[in-house]
């Protein structure tokens, strides 16, 4: 008789909350097995092919944006994907650009055309 006790590889802990209450969640589009954290709900892979962008790289991107460099140029120089960079820029401008339209103008002040 063969031993039917299959030794499964241990499930990795959640990278967000470090919980070990993790279940398998099927493969992603590339076929890599994904996992789901039952504590925080994050979906992740055990060994990601890319790592998170460092704070040093984000600082460099902010400086290059200040120099008005193109997004494609920034992506080439820093090695980040264009889609990640576009999302970062959108978040950056949404969070750091104040939207204050100013005080409302009274009817008589805006565009006195009747004169």
C-alpha atoms as a PDB file:
ATOM      1  CA  UNK A   1       0.000   0.000   0.000  1.00  0.00           C
ATOM      2  CA  UNK A   2       1.164   3.447  -0.774  1.00  0.00           C
ATOM      3  CA  UNK A   3       1.061   6.262   1.679  1.00  0.00           C
ATOM      4  CA  UNK A   4      -1.835   8.537   0.682  1.00  0.00           C
ATOM      5  CA  UNK A   5      -0.907  11.230   3.169  1.00  0.00           C
ATOM      6  CA  UNK A   6       0.146  14.057   0.852  1.00  0.00           C
ATOM      7  CA  UNK A   7       2.380  16.601   2.477  1.00  0.00           C
ATOM      8  CA  UNK A   8       1.191  19.967   1.265  1.00  0.00           C
ATOM      9  CA  UNK A   9       3.464  22.954   1.315  1.00  0.00           C
ATOM     10  CA  UNK A  10       2.650  25.323   4.155  1.00  0.00           C
ATOM     11  CA  UNK A  11       0.546  28.319   3.218  1.00  0.00           C
ATOM     12  CA  UNK A  12       2.415  31.629   3.333  1.00  0.00           C
ATOM     13  CA  UNK A  13       1.365  34.306   5.846  1.00  0.00           C
ATOM     14  CA  UNK A  14      -0.452  37.402   4.623  1.00  0.00           C
ATOM     15  CA  UNK A  15       2.009  40.150   3.566  1.00  0.00           C
ATOM     16  CA  UNK A  16      -0.372  42.851   4.807  1.00  0.00           C
ATOM     17  CA  UNK A  17      -1.455  41.674   8.283  1.00  0.00           C
ATOM     18  CA  UNK A  18       0.909  38.688   8.821  1.00  0.00           C
ATOM     19  CA  UNK A  19      -2.063  36.441   9.614  1.00  0.00           C
ATOM     20  CA  UNK A  20      -1.735  32.702   9.018  1.00  0.00           C
ATOM     21  CA  UNK A  21      -5.488  32.299   8.425  1.00  0.00           C
ATOM     22  CA  UNK A  22      -4.957  31.963   4.657  1.00  0.00           C
ATOM     23  CA  UNK A  23      -6.712  29.794   2.071  1.00  0.00           C
ATOM     24  CA  UNK A  24      -5.901  28.918  -1.536  1.00  0.00           C
ATOM     25  CA  UNK A  25      -7.755  31.098  -4.011  1.00  0.00           C
ATOM     26  CA  UNK A  26      -7.025  29.561  -7.424  1.00  0.00           C
ATOM     27  CA  UNK A  27      -4.555  30.761 -10.047  1.00  0.00           C
ATOM     28  CA  UNK A  28      -4.187  34.292 -11.408  1.00  0.00           C
ATOM     29  CA  UNK A  29      -4.168  35.100 -15.132  1.00  0.00           C
ATOM     30  CA  UNK A  30      -0.540  33.986 -15.454  1.00  0.00           C
ATOM     31  CA  UNK A  31      -1.256  30.650 -13.759  1.00  0.00           C
ATOM     32  CA  UNK A  32       0.492  31.439 -10.465  1.00  0.00           C
ATOM     33  CA  UNK A  33      -1.386  30.125  -7.406  1.00  0.00           C
ATOM     34  CA  UNK A  34      -3.008  32.873  -5.362  1.00  0.00           C
ATOM     35  CA  UNK A  35      -4.010  32.955  -1.726  1.00  0.00           C
ATOM     36  CA  UNK A  36      -6.717  34.832   0.176  1.00  0.00           C
ATOM     37  CA  UNK A  37      -6.286  36.139   3.717  1.00  0.00           C
ATOM     38  CA  UNK A  38      -9.410  35.461   5.753  1.00  0.00           C
ATOM     39  CA  UNK A  39      -8.468  38.168   8.264  1.00  0.00           C
ATOM     40  CA  UNK A  40      -7.996  41.244   6.058  1.00  0.00           C
ATOM     41  CA  UNK A  41      -9.288  39.977   2.683  1.00  0.00           C
ATOM     42  CA  UNK A  42      -6.087  40.616   0.735  1.00  0.00           C
ATOM     43  CA  UNK A  43      -5.412  38.442  -2.320  1.00  0.00           C
ATOM     44  CA  UNK A  44      -1.738  37.692  -2.936  1.00  0.00           C
ATOM     45  CA  UNK A  45       0.780  35.282  -4.468  1.00  0.00           C
ATOM     46  CA  UNK A  46       3.418  33.482  -2.405  1.00  0.00           C
ATOM     47  CA  UNK A  47       6.455  34.570  -4.442  1.00  0.00           C
ATOM     48  CA  UNK A  48       5.643  37.716  -6.454  1.00  0.00           C
ATOM     49  CA  UNK A  49       7.775  38.367  -9.524  1.00  0.00           C
ATOM     50  CA  UNK A  50       7.967  42.078  -8.741  1.00  0.00           C
ATOM     51  CA  UNK A  51       8.494  43.764  -5.408  1.00  0.00           C
ATOM     52  CA  UNK A  52       6.776  46.909  -4.107  1.00  0.00           C
ATOM     53  CA  UNK A  53       8.257  50.197  -5.293  1.00  0.00           C
ATOM     54  CA  UNK A  54      10.650  51.602  -2.675  1.00  0.00           C
ATOM     55  CA  UNK A  55      10.219  54.999  -1.031  1.00  0.00           C
ATOM     56  CA  UNK A  56      13.516  56.065  -2.590  1.00  0.00           C
ATOM     57  CA  UNK A  57      12.161  55.366  -6.086  1.00  0.00           C
ATOM     58  CA  UNK A  58       8.915  57.195  -5.268  1.00  0.00           C
ATOM     59  CA  UNK A  59      10.954  60.216  -4.162  1.00  0.00           C
ATOM     60  CA  UNK A  60      12.912  60.113  -7.418  1.00  0.00           C
ATOM     61  CA  UNK A  61       9.650  59.951  -9.373  1.00  0.00           C
ATOM     62  CA  UNK A  62       8.345  63.006  -7.503  1.00  0.00           C
ATOM     63  CA  UNK A  63      11.521  64.943  -8.359  1.00  0.00           C
ATOM     64  CA  UNK A  64      11.341  63.920 -12.031  1.00  0.00           C
ATOM     65  CA  UNK A  65       7.686  64.976 -12.172  1.00  0.00           C
ATOM     66  CA  UNK A  66       8.779  68.355 -10.792  1.00  0.00           C
ATOM     67  CA  UNK A  67      11.240  68.610 -13.675  1.00  0.00           C
ATOM     68  CA  UNK A  68       8.315  67.985 -16.061  1.00  0.00           C
ATOM     69  CA  UNK A  69       9.849  64.807 -17.491  1.00  0.00           C
ATOM     70  CA  UNK A  70       7.516  62.629 -19.573  1.00  0.00           C
ATOM     71  CA  UNK A  71       5.839  59.640 -17.944  1.00  0.00           C
ATOM     72  CA  UNK A  72       7.405  57.248 -20.452  1.00  0.00           C
ATOM     73  CA  UNK A  73      10.829  58.688 -19.684  1.00  0.00           C
ATOM     74  CA  UNK A  74      10.264  58.350 -15.937  1.00  0.00           C
ATOM     75  CA  UNK A  75       9.128  54.737 -16.384  1.00  0.00           C
ATOM     76  CA  UNK A  76      12.257  53.940 -18.422  1.00  0.00           C
ATOM     77  CA  UNK A  77      14.642  55.624 -15.963  1.00  0.00           C
ATOM     78  CA  UNK A  78      13.145  54.183 -12.774  1.00  0.00           C
ATOM     79  CA  UNK A  79      12.191  50.731 -14.088  1.00  0.00           C
ATOM     80  CA  UNK A  80       8.539  50.874 -13.016  1.00  0.00           C
ATOM     81  CA  UNK A  81       5.662  49.983 -15.304  1.00  0.00           C
ATOM     82  CA  UNK A  82       3.769  52.754 -17.060  1.00  0.00           C
ATOM     83  CA  UNK A  83       0.456  51.558 -15.634  1.00  0.00           C
ATOM     84  CA  UNK A  84       1.829  51.655 -12.056  1.00  0.00           C
ATOM     85  CA  UNK A  85       3.325  55.092 -12.711  1.00  0.00           C
ATOM     86  CA  UNK A  86       0.045  56.480 -14.073  1.00  0.00           C
ATOM     87  CA  UNK A  87      -1.832  55.214 -11.002  1.00  0.00           C
ATOM     88  CA  UNK A  88       0.835  56.718  -8.714  1.00  0.00           C
ATOM     89  CA  UNK A  89       0.633  60.093 -10.476  1.00  0.00           C
ATOM     90  CA  UNK A  90      -3.177  60.091 -10.324  1.00  0.00           C
ATOM     91  CA  UNK A  91      -3.087  59.331  -6.592  1.00  0.00           C
ATOM     92  CA  UNK A  92      -0.364  61.911  -6.023  1.00  0.00           C
ATOM     93  CA  UNK A  93      -2.279  64.700  -7.749  1.00  0.00           C
ATOM     94  CA  UNK A  94      -5.594  63.711  -6.175  1.00  0.00           C
ATOM     95  CA  UNK A  95      -4.109  63.741  -2.666  1.00  0.00           C
ATOM     96  CA  UNK A  96      -1.686  66.655  -2.914  1.00  0.00           C
ATOM     97  CA  UNK A  97      -3.451  69.092  -5.229  1.00  0.00           C
ATOM     98  CA  UNK A  98      -5.914  71.244  -3.317  1.00  0.00           C
ATOM     99  CA  UNK A  99      -9.196  71.914  -5.003  1.00  0.00           C
ATOM    100  CA  UNK A 100     -10.395  75.258  -3.752  1.00  0.00           C
ATOM    101  CA  UNK A 101     -12.496  77.007  -6.372  1.00  0.00           C
ATOM    102  CA  UNK A 102     -12.464  80.190  -4.284  1.00  0.00           C
ATOM    103  CA  UNK A 103     -15.347  82.267  -3.043  1.00  0.00           C
ATOM    104  CA  UNK A 104     -18.497  82.364  -5.094  1.00  0.00           C
ATOM    105  CA  UNK A 105     -18.980  85.558  -7.080  1.00  0.00           C
ATOM    106  CA  UNK A 106     -22.157  87.530  -6.775  1.00  0.00           C
ATOM    107  CA  UNK A 107     -24.389  87.918  -9.823  1.00  0.00           C
ATOM    108  CA  UNK A 108     -23.363  91.511 -10.491  1.00  0.00           C
ATOM    109  CA  UNK A 109     -19.611  90.831 -10.437  1.00  0.00           C
ATOM    110  CA  UNK A 110     -19.225  88.014 -12.941  1.00  0.00           C
ATOM    111  CA  UNK A 111     -19.150  89.181 -16.557  1.00  0.00           C
ATOM    112  CA  UNK A 112     -21.207  92.375 -16.558  1.00  0.00           C
ATOM    113  CA  UNK A 113     -22.353  92.107 -20.183  1.00  0.00           C
ATOM    114  CA  UNK A 114     -25.357  94.354 -19.930  1.00  0.00           C
ATOM    115  CA  UNK A 115     -23.339  97.574 -20.016  1.00  0.00           C
END
